Amino acid sequence: MGDRLELGTRGEDLAAAHLERAGMLVVARNWRCRHGELDVVARDGPTLVFCEVKTRRGLGFGGPLAAITPAKQARLRRLASAYLAAEGHHRGPVRFDAVGILWHPDGRVEVEHVRGIT
């Protein structure tokens, strides 16, 4: 696999497909504002889900989800607020999820979805 950008894009593609197989509807990908970017926004029934995706090639720096620190979670909450302000207020519940993609050297891929990270 090529560079980090390609790895990240392929990981986000896999994460979006995983969420859709789980019955969610992806409503936005790579939504940007001046504060940063939301990887995936999806609907899980009445719940609007803001999903952070982390993709890694190995475990040298820990698993993919280890990169979702408290600071990253706070940033995700700020981005979700910006999304809601820009796209119209959602009246139902919201949730913050994470999807970790681990791409092994032999081509195997592990997908881990954690609901309610923050």
N, C-alpha and C. Protein backbone atom coordinates (compact mmCIF):
# COMPACT_ATOMS: atom_id res chain seq x y z
N MET A 1 0.85 -1.16 0.00
CA MET A 1 0.00 0.00 0.00
C MET A 1 0.90 1.23 0.00
N GLY A 2 0.44 2.29 -0.62
CA GLY A 2 1.24 3.50 -0.81
C GLY A 2 1.37 4.35 0.43
N ASP A 3 1.19 5.62 0.25
CA ASP A 3 1.45 6.59 1.31
C ASP A 3 0.35 6.63 2.37
N ARG A 4 0.57 7.48 3.38
CA ARG A 4 -0.37 7.58 4.49
C ARG A 4 -1.75 8.06 4.05
N LEU A 5 -1.79 8.98 3.09
CA LEU A 5 -3.08 9.49 2.62
C LEU A 5 -3.89 8.37 1.99
N GLU A 6 -3.24 7.56 1.17
CA GLU A 6 -3.93 6.42 0.55
C GLU A 6 -4.40 5.43 1.62
N LEU A 7 -3.56 5.16 2.60
CA LEU A 7 -3.92 4.26 3.69
C LEU A 7 -5.14 4.79 4.43
N GLY A 8 -5.13 6.08 4.75
CA GLY A 8 -6.24 6.69 5.46
C GLY A 8 -7.53 6.64 4.66
N THR A 9 -7.44 6.92 3.37
CA THR A 9 -8.62 6.89 2.50
C THR A 9 -9.19 5.48 2.41
N ARG A 10 -8.33 4.50 2.23
CA ARG A 10 -8.80 3.12 2.16
C ARG A 10 -9.40 2.67 3.49
N GLY A 11 -8.80 3.12 4.59
CA GLY A 11 -9.36 2.80 5.91
C GLY A 11 -10.74 3.41 6.09
N GLU A 12 -10.90 4.67 5.67
CA GLU A 12 -12.21 5.32 5.79
C GLU A 12 -13.25 4.64 4.90
N ASP A 13 -12.83 4.18 3.72
CA ASP A 13 -13.74 3.42 2.85
C ASP A 13 -14.22 2.15 3.55
N LEU A 14 -13.28 1.43 4.16
CA LEU A 14 -13.64 0.20 4.88
C LEU A 14 -14.54 0.50 6.08
N ALA A 15 -14.23 1.57 6.79
CA ALA A 15 -15.04 1.93 7.96
C ALA A 15 -16.46 2.29 7.54
N ALA A 16 -16.62 3.08 6.48
CA ALA A 16 -17.96 3.45 6.00
C ALA A 16 -18.74 2.20 5.58
N ALA A 17 -18.08 1.29 4.87
CA ALA A 17 -18.73 0.04 4.46
C ALA A 17 -19.14 -0.79 5.68
N HIS A 18 -18.27 -0.83 6.69
CA HIS A 18 -18.58 -1.56 7.92
C HIS A 18 -19.82 -0.97 8.60
N LEU A 19 -19.87 0.35 8.70
CA LEU A 19 -21.01 1.01 9.35
C LEU A 19 -22.30 0.73 8.58
N GLU A 20 -22.23 0.75 7.26
CA GLU A 20 -23.41 0.47 6.45
C GLU A 20 -23.86 -0.99 6.63
N ARG A 21 -22.91 -1.92 6.69
CA ARG A 21 -23.28 -3.33 6.94
C ARG A 21 -23.92 -3.49 8.31
N ALA A 22 -23.56 -2.62 9.24
CA ALA A 22 -24.14 -2.66 10.59
C ALA A 22 -25.51 -1.98 10.63
N GLY A 23 -26.01 -1.53 9.46
CA GLY A 23 -27.34 -0.94 9.40
C GLY A 23 -27.39 0.57 9.50
N MET A 24 -26.24 1.22 9.49
CA MET A 24 -26.20 2.67 9.58
C MET A 24 -26.25 3.28 8.18
N LEU A 25 -26.68 4.52 8.12
CA LEU A 25 -26.71 5.28 6.87
C LEU A 25 -25.64 6.36 6.95
N VAL A 26 -24.65 6.29 6.09
CA VAL A 26 -23.59 7.30 6.06
C VAL A 26 -24.16 8.54 5.39
N VAL A 27 -24.13 9.67 6.11
CA VAL A 27 -24.69 10.92 5.57
C VAL A 27 -23.61 11.92 5.17
N ALA A 28 -22.39 11.76 5.67
CA ALA A 28 -21.30 12.66 5.28
C ALA A 28 -19.97 11.96 5.52
N ARG A 29 -19.03 12.26 4.63
CA ARG A 29 -17.66 11.78 4.79
C ARG A 29 -16.71 12.95 4.58
N ASN A 30 -15.68 13.00 5.40
CA ASN A 30 -14.66 14.04 5.28
C ASN A 30 -15.27 15.43 5.29
N TRP A 31 -16.22 15.64 6.21
CA TRP A 31 -16.84 16.96 6.36
C TRP A 31 -15.83 17.90 7.00
N ARG A 32 -15.59 19.03 6.35
CA ARG A 32 -14.55 19.96 6.81
C ARG A 32 -15.14 21.30 7.22
N CYS A 33 -14.47 21.87 8.20
CA CYS A 33 -14.72 23.26 8.60
C CYS A 33 -13.39 23.82 9.06
N ARG A 34 -13.40 25.05 9.53
CA ARG A 34 -12.13 25.67 9.92
C ARG A 34 -11.47 24.99 11.14
N HIS A 35 -12.25 24.20 11.87
CA HIS A 35 -11.72 23.53 13.06
C HIS A 35 -11.10 22.16 12.76
N GLY A 36 -11.36 21.65 11.54
CA GLY A 36 -10.82 20.33 11.20
C GLY A 36 -11.78 19.54 10.35
N GLU A 37 -11.72 18.22 10.50
CA GLU A 37 -12.49 17.33 9.64
C GLU A 37 -13.13 16.21 10.45
N LEU A 38 -14.38 15.91 10.12
CA LEU A 38 -15.06 14.73 10.63
C LEU A 38 -14.90 13.62 9.59
N ASP A 39 -14.46 12.45 10.02
CA ASP A 39 -14.23 11.37 9.08
C ASP A 39 -15.54 10.85 8.50
N VAL A 40 -16.47 10.47 9.38
CA VAL A 40 -17.75 9.91 8.95
C VAL A 40 -18.85 10.41 9.88
N VAL A 41 -19.96 10.83 9.28
CA VAL A 41 -21.18 11.14 10.02
C VAL A 41 -22.23 10.17 9.50
N ALA A 42 -22.91 9.48 10.41
CA ALA A 42 -23.88 8.47 10.01
C ALA A 42 -25.12 8.56 10.89
N ARG A 43 -26.18 7.94 10.42
CA ARG A 43 -27.40 7.80 11.21
C ARG A 43 -27.54 6.34 11.61
N ASP A 44 -27.81 6.14 12.87
CA ASP A 44 -28.10 4.82 13.42
C ASP A 44 -29.50 4.93 14.00
N GLY A 45 -30.50 4.70 13.15
CA GLY A 45 -31.88 4.96 13.57
C GLY A 45 -32.02 6.45 13.80
N PRO A 46 -32.55 6.85 14.96
CA PRO A 46 -32.71 8.28 15.24
C PRO A 46 -31.44 8.97 15.72
N THR A 47 -30.38 8.20 15.92
CA THR A 47 -29.13 8.72 16.48
C THR A 47 -28.19 9.18 15.39
N LEU A 48 -27.66 10.39 15.54
CA LEU A 48 -26.63 10.90 14.64
C LEU A 48 -25.28 10.51 15.23
N VAL A 49 -24.46 9.83 14.45
CA VAL A 49 -23.19 9.28 14.94
C VAL A 49 -22.03 10.00 14.27
N PHE A 50 -21.13 10.52 15.08
CA PHE A 50 -19.90 11.14 14.60
C PHE A 50 -18.80 10.12 14.84
N CYS A 51 -18.16 9.69 13.76
CA CYS A 51 -17.23 8.56 13.85
C CYS A 51 -15.82 8.97 13.44
N GLU A 52 -14.89 8.72 14.32
CA GLU A 52 -13.47 8.93 14.06
C GLU A 52 -12.89 7.61 13.55
N VAL A 53 -12.12 7.68 12.47
CA VAL A 53 -11.52 6.49 11.88
C VAL A 53 -10.01 6.60 11.99
N LYS A 54 -9.39 5.54 12.50
CA LYS A 54 -7.93 5.48 12.59
C LYS A 54 -7.45 4.20 11.91
N THR A 55 -6.48 4.35 11.01
CA THR A 55 -5.96 3.22 10.26
C THR A 55 -4.45 3.12 10.49
N ARG A 56 -4.00 1.90 10.74
CA ARG A 56 -2.57 1.66 10.93
C ARG A 56 -2.14 0.41 10.19
N ARG A 57 -0.85 0.37 9.89
CA ARG A 57 -0.27 -0.79 9.20
C ARG A 57 0.28 -1.83 10.18
N GLY A 58 0.45 -1.45 11.41
CA GLY A 58 1.02 -2.37 12.39
C GLY A 58 0.79 -1.86 13.79
N LEU A 59 1.34 -2.58 14.75
CA LEU A 59 1.11 -2.26 16.16
C LEU A 59 2.31 -1.60 16.82
N GLY A 60 3.26 -1.13 16.04
CA GLY A 60 4.46 -0.52 16.58
C GLY A 60 4.19 0.68 17.49
N PHE A 61 3.11 1.39 17.22
CA PHE A 61 2.73 2.54 18.05
C PHE A 61 1.44 2.25 18.79
N GLY A 62 1.09 1.00 18.97
CA GLY A 62 -0.17 0.61 19.59
C GLY A 62 -1.23 0.42 18.52
N GLY A 63 -2.38 -0.09 18.93
CA GLY A 63 -3.48 -0.30 18.00
C GLY A 63 -4.03 1.01 17.49
N PRO A 64 -4.82 0.94 16.42
CA PRO A 64 -5.36 2.17 15.84
C PRO A 64 -6.17 3.01 16.83
N LEU A 65 -6.93 2.36 17.68
CA LEU A 65 -7.79 3.12 18.59
C LEU A 65 -7.01 3.80 19.71
N ALA A 66 -5.76 3.39 19.92
CA ALA A 66 -4.92 4.04 20.93
C ALA A 66 -4.64 5.50 20.56
N ALA A 67 -4.81 5.83 19.28
CA ALA A 67 -4.56 7.21 18.82
C ALA A 67 -5.70 8.15 19.16
N ILE A 68 -6.80 7.62 19.66
CA ILE A 68 -7.95 8.47 19.98
C ILE A 68 -7.84 8.86 21.45
N THR A 69 -7.09 9.90 21.67
CA THR A 69 -6.78 10.40 23.00
C THR A 69 -7.92 11.28 23.52
N PRO A 70 -7.89 11.65 24.80
CA PRO A 70 -8.89 12.60 25.30
C PRO A 70 -8.90 13.92 24.52
N ALA A 71 -7.73 14.38 24.09
CA ALA A 71 -7.69 15.62 23.29
C ALA A 71 -8.39 15.41 21.95
N LYS A 72 -8.20 14.25 21.32
CA LYS A 72 -8.86 13.94 20.06
C LYS A 72 -10.37 13.85 20.28
N GLN A 73 -10.79 13.28 21.39
CA GLN A 73 -12.22 13.19 21.69
C GLN A 73 -12.83 14.57 21.88
N ALA A 74 -12.12 15.47 22.55
CA ALA A 74 -12.61 16.84 22.73
C ALA A 74 -12.72 17.54 21.38
N ARG A 75 -11.76 17.33 20.52
CA ARG A 75 -11.80 17.91 19.17
C ARG A 75 -12.99 17.37 18.39
N LEU A 76 -13.27 16.09 18.52
CA LEU A 76 -14.42 15.47 17.86
C LEU A 76 -15.72 16.10 18.34
N ARG A 77 -15.82 16.38 19.63
CA ARG A 77 -17.03 17.05 20.16
C ARG A 77 -17.17 18.46 19.58
N ARG A 78 -16.06 19.20 19.48
CA ARG A 78 -16.11 20.55 18.89
C ARG A 78 -16.52 20.50 17.42
N LEU A 79 -15.98 19.53 16.69
CA LEU A 79 -16.34 19.38 15.28
C LEU A 79 -17.81 19.00 15.13
N ALA A 80 -18.30 18.14 16.01
CA ALA A 80 -19.72 17.76 15.96
C ALA A 80 -20.61 18.98 16.19
N SER A 81 -20.23 19.83 17.13
CA SER A 81 -20.99 21.07 17.37
C SER A 81 -20.99 21.95 16.13
N ALA A 82 -19.84 22.07 15.48
CA ALA A 82 -19.76 22.87 14.25
C ALA A 82 -20.62 22.26 13.15
N TYR A 83 -20.62 20.94 13.05
CA TYR A 83 -21.45 20.26 12.04
C TYR A 83 -22.93 20.55 12.29
N LEU A 84 -23.35 20.40 13.53
CA LEU A 84 -24.76 20.63 13.86
C LEU A 84 -25.16 22.07 13.59
N ALA A 85 -24.27 23.01 13.87
CA ALA A 85 -24.57 24.42 13.62
C ALA A 85 -24.65 24.70 12.11
N ALA A 86 -23.78 24.08 11.34
CA ALA A 86 -23.72 24.35 9.90
C ALA A 86 -24.79 23.61 9.11
N GLU A 87 -25.10 22.40 9.53
CA GLU A 87 -26.00 21.54 8.75
C GLU A 87 -27.43 21.53 9.27
N GLY A 88 -27.71 22.25 10.31
CA GLY A 88 -29.05 22.25 10.89
C GLY A 88 -29.06 21.39 12.14
N HIS A 89 -29.76 21.87 13.11
CA HIS A 89 -29.75 21.18 14.41
C HIS A 89 -30.51 19.86 14.34
N HIS A 90 -29.89 18.85 14.85
CA HIS A 90 -30.45 17.51 14.96
C HIS A 90 -31.18 17.44 16.29
N ARG A 91 -32.40 17.02 16.28
CA ARG A 91 -33.20 16.99 17.52
C ARG A 91 -33.11 15.67 18.28
N GLY A 92 -32.56 14.65 17.66
CA GLY A 92 -32.45 13.36 18.32
C GLY A 92 -31.14 13.22 19.05
N PRO A 93 -30.87 12.01 19.53
CA PRO A 93 -29.62 11.76 20.25
C PRO A 93 -28.42 11.78 19.31
N VAL A 94 -27.25 12.02 19.89
CA VAL A 94 -25.99 11.92 19.15
C VAL A 94 -25.08 10.95 19.89
N ARG A 95 -24.14 10.40 19.13
CA ARG A 95 -23.19 9.45 19.72
C ARG A 95 -21.85 9.64 19.03
N PHE A 96 -20.79 9.32 19.73
CA PHE A 96 -19.44 9.39 19.18
C PHE A 96 -18.86 7.98 19.16
N ASP A 97 -18.51 7.53 17.96
CA ASP A 97 -17.96 6.19 17.78
C ASP A 97 -16.54 6.29 17.22
N ALA A 98 -15.85 5.17 17.25
CA ALA A 98 -14.53 5.07 16.63
C ALA A 98 -14.46 3.75 15.87
N VAL A 99 -13.78 3.79 14.74
CA VAL A 99 -13.49 2.58 13.99
C VAL A 99 -11.98 2.51 13.79
N GLY A 100 -11.40 1.42 14.25
CA GLY A 100 -9.98 1.19 14.07
C GLY A 100 -9.78 0.16 12.97
N ILE A 101 -8.91 0.48 12.04
CA ILE A 101 -8.58 -0.42 10.93
C ILE A 101 -7.11 -0.79 11.08
N LEU A 102 -6.84 -2.09 11.17
CA LEU A 102 -5.46 -2.58 11.25
C LEU A 102 -5.19 -3.38 10.00
N TRP A 103 -4.26 -2.86 9.17
CA TRP A 103 -3.90 -3.48 7.90
C TRP A 103 -2.62 -4.26 8.11
N HIS A 104 -2.71 -5.59 8.11
CA HIS A 104 -1.54 -6.44 8.34
C HIS A 104 -0.67 -6.51 7.08
N PRO A 105 0.63 -6.77 7.24
CA PRO A 105 1.53 -6.86 6.08
C PRO A 105 1.11 -7.92 5.05
N ASP A 106 0.41 -8.97 5.50
CA ASP A 106 -0.02 -10.02 4.57
C ASP A 106 -1.34 -9.68 3.86
N GLY A 107 -1.86 -8.46 4.11
CA GLY A 107 -3.08 -8.03 3.44
C GLY A 107 -4.35 -8.23 4.24
N ARG A 108 -4.28 -8.99 5.33
CA ARG A 108 -5.46 -9.15 6.19
C ARG A 108 -5.82 -7.80 6.81
N VAL A 109 -7.11 -7.60 7.04
CA VAL A 109 -7.58 -6.35 7.64
C VAL A 109 -8.47 -6.68 8.82
N GLU A 110 -8.22 -6.01 9.94
CA GLU A 110 -9.09 -6.12 11.12
C GLU A 110 -9.82 -4.81 11.28
N VAL A 111 -11.12 -4.90 11.55
CA VAL A 111 -11.96 -3.71 11.77
C VAL A 111 -12.55 -3.83 13.17
N GLU A 112 -12.33 -2.79 13.99
CA GLU A 112 -12.89 -2.75 15.33
C GLU A 112 -13.74 -1.49 15.45
N HIS A 113 -15.01 -1.67 15.78
CA HIS A 113 -15.96 -0.56 15.94
C HIS A 113 -16.32 -0.43 17.41
N VAL A 114 -16.05 0.73 17.98
CA VAL A 114 -16.38 1.00 19.38
C VAL A 114 -17.44 2.09 19.40
N ARG A 115 -18.57 1.78 20.01
CA ARG A 115 -19.67 2.75 20.11
C ARG A 115 -19.56 3.52 21.42
N GLY A 116 -19.85 4.80 21.34
CA GLY A 116 -19.89 5.62 22.55
C GLY A 116 -18.54 5.86 23.17
N ILE A 117 -17.61 6.44 22.43
CA ILE A 117 -16.25 6.65 22.96
C ILE A 117 -16.13 7.86 23.87
N THR A 118 -17.05 8.79 23.79
CA THR A 118 -16.91 9.99 24.61
C THR A 118 -18.24 10.40 25.20
